[in-house]
Amino acid sequence: MKFSPWMMLSAVFALCFGAALSVHAEAPKTIGSIERIDPAFDKLVPVDAAIEVLADGFEWTEGPVWSSQEGGLLFSDIPRNRINKWDPKSGLSIFMNHSGYTGKTPFTGVEPGSNGLAFDSAGRLNMCCHGDRAIKRVEKDGKVTVLADKYEGKRLNSPNDLAIKSNGDLYFTDPPYGLPKGENDPGRELDWFGVYRLSKDGKLELLIKDLPRPNGVTFSPDEKFLYVAQSDPKAAVVMKYPVKEDGTLGKGAVFFDATQSVGKQKGLPDGLKTDSAGNVWTTGPGGVLVFSPEGKLLGKLLTGEATSNCAFGDDGALYITADMYLCRVKTNAKRAGKK
């Protein structure tokens, strides 16, 4: 049998790409376990559900977001400075290289890439870019616009996660994880790790400056509350803030405190999402923990890995980024904003 140049090129690509990444398309393996704590959990996660591995071999996965126009999931591999795409028809592919750092000199840290990803109402991809220390947006023509990289003339630390309100305002967190030397980086210009609101008219406003490590951020379905996860081992909490009419935040309260579980299981509060009923699906020690809107623990998706984030797909599944893995769990829940 003769091999055409195209067949040979395809084989080389498969070897190079497949050497690092393993895709489980036909019969995905499973990891971890599912713990059912409250009967209400059975209405959210079917009894036959499992934590399926869709792909693995990444360095650190983050920022999952379902793309209606792409018909699949986009997610970041931060150390590799890349956004990947997974869809049920074609499996895994590279969506964007140099997604978080576009500098010409080598990045000296370990987290140069994009982190949180979100689509706005116009279908444009918004990105938290660690290495470039900026919030960026991919326009319809493919050009990339810097939306925010400074606050009052000082460079941001490393935007981490974001949530876009229905009126177009963008809320994001800015911890030090993307700085080459973290909190002690000599290039750090701000004295705090904040939570910000970037209004649709381009005004950047500092909302919170007293959280040591703000990380994941998401709204309740009615947008009356903002949840902020904090990945500080000494205060591993998810905070809940009322959202005022002017877009600022009222006094926050602890929604979930995982501090006592830190070190007993892998992971910290990191990324989180709400479903259409207001339940909170937050990463934490062990995997993804599911709470009622009132804060009652309903169940756990125990990946057994340090779990960074999660997102609902239009197909009803919950997609999970957990260390080197991209996973999926079948659910009966729908993402907030989807009827």
Protein backbone atom coordinates (compact mmCIF):
# COMPACT_ATOMS: atom_id res chain seq x y z
CA MET A 1 0.00 0.00 0.00
CA LYS A 2 1.41 3.36 -1.03
CA PHE A 3 1.23 6.36 1.30
CA SER A 4 0.44 9.73 -0.23
CA PRO A 5 2.19 12.85 1.11
CA TRP A 6 -1.12 13.89 2.71
CA MET A 7 -1.46 10.54 4.48
CA MET A 8 2.10 10.82 5.74
CA LEU A 9 1.53 14.38 6.94
CA SER A 10 -1.65 13.30 8.71
CA ALA A 11 0.18 10.46 10.40
CA VAL A 12 2.94 12.77 11.63
CA PHE A 13 0.38 15.24 12.99
CA ALA A 14 -1.48 12.45 14.76
CA LEU A 15 1.72 11.20 16.37
CA CYS A 16 2.83 14.67 17.48
CA PHE A 17 -0.53 15.82 18.76
CA GLY A 18 -1.57 12.48 20.18
CA ALA A 19 1.69 11.94 22.03
CA ALA A 20 0.75 14.61 24.52
CA LEU A 21 -3.02 14.40 24.44
CA SER A 22 -5.25 11.38 24.67
CA VAL A 23 -8.82 11.67 23.38
CA HIS A 24 -11.54 9.32 24.52
CA ALA A 25 -14.20 9.63 21.84
CA GLU A 26 -16.00 6.28 21.59
CA ALA A 27 -15.86 4.77 25.06
CA PRO A 28 -14.59 7.39 27.50
CA LYS A 29 -13.01 6.18 30.67
CA THR A 30 -14.28 7.45 34.00
CA ILE A 31 -12.61 8.84 37.06
CA GLY A 32 -13.65 9.54 40.64
CA SER A 33 -17.09 9.03 42.07
CA ILE A 34 -20.37 10.83 42.73
CA GLU A 35 -21.58 11.36 46.28
CA ARG A 36 -25.31 11.93 46.83
CA ILE A 37 -26.06 13.82 50.03
CA ASP A 38 -29.59 15.17 49.57
CA PRO A 39 -32.51 13.61 47.60
CA ALA A 40 -32.74 16.83 45.56
CA PHE A 41 -29.41 15.91 43.98
CA ASP A 42 -31.02 12.99 42.14
CA LYS A 43 -33.13 15.46 40.19
CA LEU A 44 -29.98 17.25 39.04
CA VAL A 45 -27.65 14.33 38.34
CA PRO A 46 -29.14 11.03 37.05
CA VAL A 47 -28.38 7.93 39.09
CA ASP A 48 -26.50 6.37 36.16
CA ALA A 49 -24.24 9.40 35.68
CA ALA A 50 -20.47 9.10 35.86
CA ILE A 51 -17.50 11.44 35.51
CA GLU A 52 -16.41 10.73 31.94
CA VAL A 53 -12.96 11.68 30.67
CA LEU A 54 -13.20 13.26 27.22
CA ALA A 55 -9.50 14.08 26.83
CA ASP A 56 -6.36 14.17 28.95
CA GLY A 57 -2.66 14.89 28.82
CA PHE A 58 -2.97 18.64 29.35
CA GLU A 59 -0.83 20.59 31.80
CA TRP A 60 -3.53 22.60 33.61
CA THR A 61 -7.02 23.03 32.19
CA GLU A 62 -9.23 26.02 32.97
CA GLY A 63 -11.90 28.40 31.71
CA PRO A 64 -14.45 26.04 30.11
CA VAL A 65 -17.21 27.75 28.13
CA TRP A 66 -19.75 26.33 25.71
CA SER A 67 -19.72 27.91 22.27
CA SER A 68 -23.06 27.76 20.48
CA GLN A 69 -21.49 28.86 17.19
CA GLU A 70 -18.70 26.29 17.47
CA GLY A 71 -21.04 23.57 18.68
CA GLY A 72 -18.64 22.53 21.40
CA LEU A 73 -16.56 23.50 24.39
CA LEU A 74 -13.62 25.88 24.52
CA PHE A 75 -11.16 25.66 27.40
CA SER A 76 -7.72 26.97 28.31
CA ASP A 77 -4.51 25.05 28.89
CA ILE A 78 -2.75 27.83 30.78
CA PRO A 79 0.88 26.58 30.82
CA ARG A 80 0.73 25.86 27.07
CA ASN A 81 -0.70 29.32 26.31
CA ARG A 82 -3.51 27.79 24.30
CA ILE A 83 -7.28 27.52 23.96
CA ASN A 84 -8.50 24.10 22.93
CA LYS A 85 -11.83 23.09 21.46
CA TRP A 86 -13.73 19.86 22.02
CA ASP A 87 -16.89 18.92 20.18
CA PRO A 88 -18.79 15.63 19.95
CA LYS A 89 -18.29 15.30 16.18
CA SER A 90 -14.60 15.97 15.64
CA GLY A 91 -13.21 15.63 19.15
CA LEU A 92 -10.22 17.73 20.20
CA SER A 93 -8.52 20.51 18.26
CA ILE A 94 -6.52 23.69 18.88
CA PHE A 95 -8.72 26.79 18.78
CA MET A 96 -6.11 29.47 19.50
CA ASN A 97 -2.39 29.57 20.21
CA HIS A 98 -0.76 32.40 22.21
CA SER A 99 -4.10 32.98 23.90
CA GLY A 100 -2.79 34.67 27.04
CA TYR A 101 0.73 35.85 26.29
CA THR A 102 1.73 37.47 23.02
CA GLY A 103 5.10 38.92 24.03
CA LYS A 104 8.18 38.35 21.91
CA THR A 105 10.44 37.41 24.82
CA PRO A 106 10.02 34.02 26.52
CA PHE A 107 7.61 34.06 29.45
CA THR A 108 9.53 33.32 32.65
CA GLY A 109 6.58 32.06 34.72
CA VAL A 110 4.47 28.92 34.54
CA GLU A 111 1.02 30.35 33.72
CA PRO A 112 1.26 32.52 30.60
CA GLY A 113 -1.98 31.53 28.92
CA SER A 114 -5.61 32.53 28.94
CA ASN A 115 -7.69 31.51 31.93
CA GLY A 116 -11.39 32.39 32.16
CA LEU A 117 -13.41 32.58 28.94
CA ALA A 118 -16.90 33.99 28.32
CA PHE A 119 -19.08 34.91 25.37
CA ASP A 120 -20.98 38.18 25.35
CA SER A 121 -24.45 38.72 23.90
CA ALA A 122 -22.94 39.43 20.48
CA GLY A 123 -21.18 36.06 20.45
CA ARG A 124 -17.70 37.52 20.90
CA LEU A 125 -15.17 35.61 23.00
CA ASN A 126 -13.84 37.49 26.04
CA MET A 127 -10.63 36.22 27.63
CA CYS A 128 -8.67 36.66 30.85
CA CYS A 129 -5.06 36.79 29.64
CA HIS A 130 -2.50 35.99 32.32
CA GLY A 131 0.75 36.78 30.55
CA ASP A 132 -0.47 39.98 28.91
CA ARG A 133 -2.19 41.02 32.17
CA ALA A 134 -5.32 42.03 30.33
CA ILE A 135 -8.95 41.39 29.49
CA LYS A 136 -9.27 40.89 25.74
CA ARG A 137 -12.08 40.28 23.26
CA VAL A 138 -12.00 38.46 19.94
CA GLU A 139 -14.03 40.48 17.44
CA LYS A 140 -16.20 38.99 14.71
CA ASP A 141 -13.46 39.61 12.13
CA GLY A 142 -10.92 37.77 14.28
CA LYS A 143 -9.08 40.84 15.50
CA VAL A 144 -8.30 41.02 19.22
CA THR A 145 -9.21 44.09 21.27
CA VAL A 146 -7.70 44.92 24.66
CA LEU A 147 -10.61 45.90 26.89
CA ALA A 148 -8.68 46.54 30.11
CA ASP A 149 -5.06 46.21 31.19
CA LYS A 150 -4.63 49.08 33.69
CA TYR A 151 -6.47 50.48 36.68
CA GLU A 152 -5.78 54.16 37.36
CA GLY A 153 -2.60 53.94 35.29
CA LYS A 154 -1.23 50.81 36.99
CA ARG A 155 -1.04 47.43 35.28
CA LEU A 156 -3.42 44.71 36.37
CA ASN A 157 -1.95 41.61 38.04
CA SER A 158 -3.27 38.70 35.94
CA PRO A 159 -7.03 38.65 35.22
CA ASN A 160 -8.28 35.21 36.20
CA ASP A 161 -12.00 34.68 35.69
CA LEU A 162 -14.92 36.71 34.39
CA ALA A 163 -18.70 36.88 34.19
CA ILE A 164 -20.71 39.06 31.84
CA LYS A 165 -23.98 40.58 33.00
CA SER A 166 -26.93 40.76 30.63
CA ASN A 167 -26.49 44.53 30.26
CA GLY A 168 -22.96 44.02 28.93
CA ASP A 169 -21.00 44.85 32.10
CA LEU A 170 -18.04 42.52 32.64
CA TYR A 171 -16.96 41.49 36.15
CA PHE A 172 -13.55 39.90 36.68
CA THR A 173 -11.05 38.87 39.35
CA ASP A 174 -7.37 39.82 39.36
CA PRO A 175 -5.17 37.61 41.62
CA PRO A 176 -1.38 37.19 41.15
CA TYR A 177 -1.27 33.66 39.72
CA GLY A 178 -0.18 34.70 36.22
CA LEU A 179 2.69 36.88 37.38
CA PRO A 180 6.03 35.11 36.85
CA LYS A 181 6.86 35.28 40.57
CA GLY A 182 3.31 35.50 41.87
CA GLU A 183 2.57 37.84 44.74
CA ASN A 184 6.24 38.78 45.03
CA ASP A 185 6.78 39.57 41.37
CA PRO A 186 8.84 42.77 40.94
CA GLY A 187 6.58 43.81 38.08
CA ARG A 188 3.49 43.90 40.27
CA GLU A 189 2.03 47.43 40.39
CA LEU A 190 -1.16 47.13 42.47
CA ASP A 191 -1.26 46.68 46.24
CA TRP A 192 -4.33 44.44 46.19
CA PHE A 193 -5.93 41.55 44.33
CA GLY A 194 -9.25 42.97 43.28
CA VAL A 195 -12.64 42.26 41.79
CA TYR A 196 -13.56 44.76 39.08
CA ARG A 197 -16.47 45.84 36.93
CA LEU A 198 -15.78 46.89 33.38
CA SER A 199 -18.91 48.73 32.26
CA LYS A 200 -20.14 48.44 28.70
CA ASP A 201 -18.94 52.02 28.10
CA GLY A 202 -15.36 51.05 29.05
CA LYS A 203 -15.16 52.40 32.61
CA LEU A 204 -13.16 50.20 34.99
CA GLU A 205 -14.28 50.23 38.61
CA LEU A 206 -12.73 48.47 41.62
CA LEU A 207 -15.46 46.70 43.60
CA ILE A 208 -13.58 44.53 46.10
CA LYS A 209 -10.00 44.82 47.38
CA ASP A 210 -10.07 42.90 50.66
CA LEU A 211 -9.97 39.30 49.35
CA PRO A 212 -6.47 37.76 49.48
CA ARG A 213 -7.06 35.44 46.49
CA PRO A 214 -10.24 36.16 44.47
CA ASN A 215 -10.66 33.58 41.76
CA GLY A 216 -13.88 32.26 40.16
CA VAL A 217 -16.84 34.56 39.64
CA THR A 218 -20.44 34.03 38.50
CA PHE A 219 -23.91 35.56 38.82
CA SER A 220 -27.11 34.10 40.18
CA PRO A 221 -29.65 33.55 37.37
CA ASP A 222 -31.54 36.74 38.26
CA GLU A 223 -28.23 38.65 38.55
CA LYS A 224 -29.15 39.88 42.02
CA PHE A 225 -26.07 38.21 43.52
CA LEU A 226 -22.45 37.77 42.55
CA TYR A 227 -20.53 34.74 43.80
CA VAL A 228 -16.76 35.02 44.18
CA ALA A 229 -14.61 32.01 45.00
CA GLN A 230 -11.41 32.52 46.97
CA SER A 231 -8.53 30.09 46.58
CA ASP A 232 -6.69 31.08 49.74
CA PRO A 233 -5.89 27.91 51.75
CA LYS A 234 -6.26 29.90 54.98
CA ALA A 235 -9.70 31.20 54.00
CA ALA A 236 -11.00 28.86 51.30
CA VAL A 237 -14.46 30.31 50.86
CA VAL A 238 -17.12 31.21 48.33
CA MET A 239 -18.50 34.69 48.98
CA LYS A 240 -21.96 35.96 48.00
CA TYR A 241 -22.49 39.68 47.30
CA PRO A 242 -25.75 41.50 46.57
CA VAL A 243 -25.60 43.41 43.29
CA LYS A 244 -26.95 46.94 43.55
CA GLU A 245 -28.90 48.71 40.82
CA ASP A 246 -25.85 50.74 39.81
CA GLY A 247 -23.78 47.57 39.36
CA THR A 248 -21.72 47.92 42.52
CA LEU A 249 -21.79 45.35 45.29
CA GLY A 250 -23.23 45.34 48.78
CA LYS A 251 -21.71 43.69 51.83
CA GLY A 252 -20.70 40.11 51.17
CA ALA A 253 -21.35 37.00 53.24
CA VAL A 254 -19.73 33.58 53.27
CA PHE A 255 -21.79 31.18 51.16
CA PHE A 256 -19.53 28.15 51.59
CA ASP A 257 -16.42 27.61 53.72
CA ALA A 258 -14.08 24.80 52.69
CA THR A 259 -11.13 25.78 54.87
CA GLN A 260 -11.33 22.74 57.15
CA SER A 261 -11.18 20.41 54.13
CA VAL A 262 -8.07 21.98 52.63
CA GLY A 263 -5.25 19.44 52.44
CA LYS A 264 -7.57 16.49 53.08
CA GLN A 265 -8.64 16.41 49.45
CA LYS A 266 -7.08 17.97 46.37
CA GLY A 267 -8.26 21.40 45.31
CA LEU A 268 -9.58 24.74 46.52
CA PRO A 269 -12.59 26.91 45.68
CA ASP A 270 -11.81 28.05 42.16
CA GLY A 271 -14.27 28.25 39.27
CA LEU A 272 -18.03 28.06 39.73
CA LYS A 273 -21.32 28.32 37.83
CA THR A 274 -25.02 28.56 38.63
CA ASP A 275 -27.75 26.63 36.87
CA SER A 276 -31.13 28.01 35.78
CA ALA A 277 -32.67 27.11 39.16
CA GLY A 278 -30.00 29.00 41.09
CA ASN A 279 -28.06 25.98 42.34
CA VAL A 280 -24.34 26.68 42.73
CA TRP A 281 -21.84 24.25 41.20
CA THR A 282 -18.47 25.19 42.64
CA THR A 283 -15.08 23.56 42.59
CA GLY A 284 -13.50 22.86 45.95
CA PRO A 285 -11.61 20.15 47.83
CA GLY A 286 -12.41 16.86 46.10
CA GLY A 287 -13.99 18.14 42.89
CA VAL A 288 -17.26 19.94 42.18
CA LEU A 289 -19.67 20.57 45.06
CA VAL A 290 -23.32 21.33 44.38
CA PHE A 291 -25.34 23.64 46.65
CA SER A 292 -28.92 24.82 46.68
CA PRO A 293 -29.46 28.59 46.34
CA GLU A 294 -29.84 28.65 50.14
CA GLY A 295 -26.41 27.07 50.62
CA LYS A 296 -27.43 23.47 51.40
CA LEU A 297 -24.92 20.90 50.17
CA LEU A 298 -26.74 18.51 47.81
CA GLY A 299 -23.97 16.35 46.40
CA LYS A 300 -20.41 16.09 45.16
CA LEU A 301 -18.75 15.20 41.87
CA LEU A 302 -15.51 13.81 43.26
CA THR A 303 -12.92 13.86 40.50
CA GLY A 304 -10.06 13.00 42.84
CA GLU A 305 -8.05 15.75 41.14
CA ALA A 306 -7.42 19.42 41.77
CA THR A 307 -10.45 20.74 39.91
CA SER A 308 -10.31 24.21 38.43
CA ASN A 309 -13.66 25.01 36.86
CA CYS A 310 -16.90 23.82 35.28
CA ALA A 311 -19.46 24.94 32.72
CA PHE A 312 -22.79 23.77 31.37
CA GLY A 313 -23.12 22.90 27.72
CA ASP A 314 -26.18 23.43 25.58
CA ASP A 315 -26.44 19.64 25.62
CA GLY A 316 -27.22 19.71 29.36
CA ALA A 317 -23.94 18.17 30.45
CA LEU A 318 -21.62 19.74 33.00
CA TYR A 319 -18.09 20.00 31.63
CA ILE A 320 -15.27 19.94 34.17
CA THR A 321 -11.63 20.95 33.91
CA ALA A 322 -9.61 18.98 36.45
CA ASP A 323 -5.83 19.27 36.29
CA MET A 324 -4.79 17.31 33.16
CA TYR A 325 -8.34 16.21 32.34
CA LEU A 326 -11.38 17.46 30.46
CA CYS A 327 -14.41 15.66 31.88
CA ARG A 328 -18.17 15.57 31.46
CA VAL A 329 -21.07 14.59 33.70
CA LYS A 330 -24.61 14.05 32.45
CA THR A 331 -27.07 16.31 34.26
CA ASN A 332 -30.71 17.37 34.15
CA ALA A 333 -29.73 20.95 34.94
CA LYS A 334 -29.58 23.83 32.48
CA ARG A 335 -27.10 26.66 32.52
CA ALA A 336 -28.27 29.99 33.87
CA GLY A 337 -29.77 32.11 31.12
CA LYS A 338 -30.88 29.14 29.03
CA LYS A 339 -34.59 28.30 29.02
